[in-house]
Amino acid sequence: SEGMWGYATGDGIETDIVVTRERCPTAAWVHVALTYDEGLRALFVDGKPVPKSRAKRRISCDEQPLYVGAASVNGNPACFWRGGIDQVRLSLGVRYAKEFAPERQLHADRPTLLLLHMDEGKGLRVKDASRFENTGQLRGAARFLPPADFKVAPPPVAPKGEAEGPPVPQPPVKGGPPPKAGPPPKRGPGQE
């Protein structure tokens, strides 16, 4: 994908991969959401829609584990994400249909099938904040990142009576080695 956002959906037999023309920034917190509605996939980066794509096949559940930060190839993690992952939410139905302002802290509601805040800080277990209360497990070299890696600095405010100057660079938000594979939740349909 050479620094571009990409995503894949599949039916357990065939995987349909899309690489966008939207650059994936480094050292910055980014909200990414993928929706699937009757074969139409929509990716949103920081709440802004990226051109939609039609899936070749309907998505379906299979017996393969769900990995966060990796693809499942014959049940094994592959194609690892190189970066931090702060939160993951899978929802039943389409949560986003047009441009939106991303939530910094994701919340569970009735359509939420899985919500991982990944803020345990130690150990290998990842708690699900949804009503299903699944438990995931860190695998391979995945680890929890320090909370400081996920803080977002507020925009600078000009002192009273002074004009705003050039933007102040913000500190990196995420860093460190990537979580290589995520937790496999209990089975259920959904997307985000």
Protein backbone atom coordinates (compact mmCIF):
# COMPACT_ATOMS: atom_id res chain seq x y z
CA SER A 1 0.00 0.00 0.00
CA GLU A 2 3.09 2.27 0.12
CA GLY A 3 1.80 4.62 2.83
CA MET A 4 -1.82 4.68 1.64
CA TRP A 5 -4.89 3.53 3.58
CA GLY A 6 -6.26 0.19 2.47
CA TYR A 7 -8.87 -2.30 3.60
CA ALA A 8 -10.13 -5.76 2.76
CA THR A 9 -13.41 -7.61 3.09
CA GLY A 10 -14.16 -11.21 2.28
CA ASP A 11 -16.54 -14.09 2.46
CA GLY A 12 -14.23 -16.68 3.98
CA ILE A 13 -13.17 -17.91 0.52
CA GLU A 14 -12.05 -14.82 -1.37
CA THR A 15 -10.60 -11.55 -0.04
CA ASP A 16 -11.31 -8.29 -1.84
CA ILE A 17 -8.54 -5.73 -1.15
CA VAL A 18 -8.77 -2.00 -1.83
CA VAL A 19 -5.86 0.46 -1.55
CA THR A 20 -6.99 4.08 -1.51
CA ARG A 21 -5.17 7.21 -2.66
CA GLU A 22 -5.52 8.63 0.85
CA ARG A 23 -2.14 8.97 2.61
CA CYS A 24 -1.68 7.31 5.99
CA PRO A 25 0.11 9.89 8.17
CA THR A 26 2.84 8.97 10.64
CA ALA A 27 3.19 10.18 14.23
CA ALA A 28 -0.44 11.33 14.35
CA TRP A 29 -3.66 10.03 15.87
CA VAL A 30 -6.14 9.19 13.10
CA HIS A 31 -9.75 7.99 13.37
CA VAL A 32 -10.49 5.39 10.68
CA ALA A 33 -13.91 3.81 10.09
CA LEU A 34 -15.09 1.31 7.47
CA THR A 35 -18.77 0.66 6.82
CA TYR A 36 -20.42 -2.03 4.73
CA ASP A 37 -23.99 -1.70 3.47
CA GLU A 38 -25.48 -4.05 0.89
CA GLY A 39 -22.13 -4.57 -0.82
CA LEU A 40 -21.05 -0.91 -0.73
CA ARG A 41 -17.95 -0.20 1.37
CA ALA A 42 -17.19 3.28 2.64
CA LEU A 43 -13.96 4.31 4.36
CA PHE A 44 -13.80 7.45 6.51
CA VAL A 45 -10.48 9.00 7.58
CA ASP A 46 -10.83 11.53 10.41
CA GLY A 47 -14.55 11.65 9.60
CA LYS A 48 -14.09 12.50 5.93
CA PRO A 49 -15.33 10.01 3.33
CA VAL A 50 -12.91 8.38 0.90
CA PRO A 51 -14.39 7.23 -2.46
CA LYS A 52 -16.64 4.18 -1.93
CA SER A 53 -16.11 0.78 -3.50
CA ARG A 54 -18.40 -2.11 -4.38
CA ALA A 55 -17.44 -5.45 -2.78
CA LYS A 56 -17.03 -8.41 -5.12
CA ARG A 57 -18.79 -10.70 -2.61
CA ARG A 58 -20.94 -10.30 0.50
CA ILE A 59 -19.07 -10.38 3.76
CA SER A 60 -19.68 -13.37 5.95
CA CYS A 61 -18.31 -14.84 9.15
CA ASP A 62 -16.09 -17.87 9.06
CA GLU A 63 -14.25 -19.89 11.66
CA GLN A 64 -11.03 -17.90 11.30
CA PRO A 65 -10.02 -15.68 14.23
CA LEU A 66 -10.45 -11.93 14.03
CA TYR A 67 -7.10 -10.17 14.29
CA VAL A 68 -6.80 -6.48 15.10
CA GLY A 69 -3.70 -5.09 13.44
CA ALA A 70 -3.17 -8.08 11.14
CA ALA A 71 -4.93 -10.07 8.45
CA SER A 72 -5.93 -13.69 8.94
CA VAL A 73 -4.31 -16.00 6.40
CA ASN A 74 -5.29 -19.64 6.91
CA GLY A 75 -6.05 -18.79 10.55
CA ASN A 76 -2.64 -17.24 11.18
CA PRO A 77 -1.83 -13.53 11.57
CA ALA A 78 -0.09 -11.90 8.58
CA CYS A 79 0.34 -8.44 6.98
CA PHE A 80 0.95 -6.66 10.27
CA TRP A 81 0.00 -3.04 10.97
CA ARG A 82 3.05 -0.98 11.86
CA GLY A 83 1.80 1.56 14.37
CA GLY A 84 -0.32 1.93 17.46
CA ILE A 85 -3.98 1.04 17.77
CA ASP A 86 -5.90 2.91 20.43
CA GLN A 87 -9.49 1.62 20.16
CA VAL A 88 -11.54 -0.74 17.98
CA ARG A 89 -15.32 -0.86 17.68
CA LEU A 90 -17.37 -3.29 15.57
CA SER A 91 -21.01 -2.36 15.11
CA LEU A 92 -24.12 -3.96 13.69
CA GLY A 93 -25.43 -1.71 10.91
CA VAL A 94 -23.98 1.42 9.35
CA ARG A 95 -22.75 3.91 11.95
CA TYR A 96 -21.48 6.57 9.52
CA ALA A 97 -23.08 7.54 6.20
CA LYS A 98 -21.67 11.04 5.65
CA GLU A 99 -18.90 13.28 6.97
CA PHE A 100 -18.80 13.37 10.78
CA ALA A 101 -16.75 14.64 13.71
CA PRO A 102 -14.92 11.61 15.19
CA GLU A 103 -15.30 10.82 18.87
CA ARG A 104 -11.99 10.78 20.71
CA GLN A 105 -13.31 8.17 23.14
CA LEU A 106 -15.52 5.49 21.57
CA HIS A 107 -18.62 4.43 23.51
CA ALA A 108 -20.64 1.22 23.52
CA ASP A 109 -24.31 1.37 22.57
CA ARG A 110 -26.91 -1.19 21.46
CA PRO A 111 -25.40 -1.72 17.94
CA THR A 112 -21.89 -2.24 19.41
CA LEU A 113 -20.76 -5.86 19.01
CA LEU A 114 -17.17 -5.32 20.20
CA LEU A 115 -15.41 -2.35 21.81
CA LEU A 116 -11.74 -2.58 22.73
CA HIS A 117 -10.28 0.47 24.47
CA MET A 118 -6.93 -1.34 24.84
CA ASP A 119 -6.05 0.69 27.91
CA GLU A 120 -5.31 -2.17 30.31
CA GLY A 121 -1.64 -1.16 30.34
CA LYS A 122 -0.21 -4.56 31.29
CA GLY A 123 -0.73 -8.26 30.79
CA LEU A 124 -2.04 -10.02 27.68
CA ARG A 125 -5.82 -9.71 28.07
CA VAL A 126 -7.91 -7.05 26.30
CA LYS A 127 -11.37 -6.37 27.73
CA ASP A 128 -14.43 -5.81 25.57
CA ALA A 129 -16.54 -2.86 26.79
CA SER A 130 -19.59 -3.99 24.78
CA ARG A 131 -22.55 -5.81 26.33
CA PHE A 132 -21.04 -9.09 25.06
CA GLU A 133 -17.98 -8.76 27.34
CA ASN A 134 -15.61 -10.72 25.09
CA THR A 135 -11.97 -11.02 26.06
CA GLY A 136 -9.18 -10.73 23.55
CA GLN A 137 -5.54 -11.62 23.85
CA LEU A 138 -2.35 -9.89 22.72
CA ARG A 139 -0.26 -12.21 20.56
CA GLY A 140 3.25 -12.16 19.17
CA ALA A 141 5.16 -8.93 19.83
CA ALA A 142 1.98 -6.89 20.50
CA ARG A 143 2.03 -4.84 23.70
CA PHE A 144 0.10 -2.07 25.37
CA LEU A 145 1.50 1.39 24.64
CA PRO A 146 1.94 3.99 27.38
CA PRO A 147 -1.11 6.29 27.78
CA ALA A 148 1.06 9.32 26.91
CA ASP A 149 1.36 7.95 23.36
CA PHE A 150 -2.37 8.55 22.84
CA LYS A 151 -2.82 12.05 24.21
CA VAL A 152 -3.91 14.69 21.75
CA ALA A 153 -2.57 18.17 22.44
CA PRO A 154 -5.20 20.92 22.29
CA PRO A 155 -4.80 23.52 19.54
CA PRO A 156 -2.76 26.55 20.60
CA VAL A 157 -4.72 29.62 21.71
CA ALA A 158 -3.37 33.08 20.86
CA PRO A 159 -3.08 35.47 23.83
CA LYS A 160 -5.76 38.18 24.01
CA GLY A 161 -5.09 41.00 21.58
CA GLU A 162 -2.46 39.10 19.56
CA ALA A 163 -3.00 37.68 16.10
CA GLU A 164 -2.62 33.96 15.68
CA GLY A 165 0.77 32.93 14.38
CA PRO A 166 1.70 29.89 12.32
CA PRO A 167 0.43 26.54 13.56
CA VAL A 168 2.43 25.00 16.37
CA PRO A 169 3.63 21.47 15.56
CA GLN A 170 1.88 18.87 17.71
CA PRO A 171 3.84 16.11 19.43
CA PRO A 172 3.59 12.58 18.06
CA VAL A 173 0.62 10.77 19.49
CA LYS A 174 1.40 7.12 18.85
CA GLY A 175 4.65 5.29 18.59
CA GLY A 176 6.62 2.24 19.44
CA PRO A 177 6.54 -1.23 17.95
CA PRO A 178 3.27 -2.26 16.39
CA PRO A 179 0.64 -4.44 17.93
CA LYS A 180 1.07 -7.38 15.58
CA ALA A 181 -2.08 -9.30 16.19
CA GLY A 182 -5.21 -8.52 18.05
CA PRO A 183 -7.79 -10.36 20.02
CA PRO A 184 -10.21 -12.80 18.46
CA PRO A 185 -13.71 -11.89 19.74
CA LYS A 186 -16.73 -14.15 19.95
CA ARG A 187 -18.45 -14.56 16.59
CA GLY A 188 -21.00 -12.04 15.34
CA PRO A 189 -21.71 -9.95 12.25
CA GLY A 190 -20.81 -6.28 12.08
CA GLN A 191 -18.47 -3.68 10.72
CA GLU A 192 -16.96 -0.30 11.36
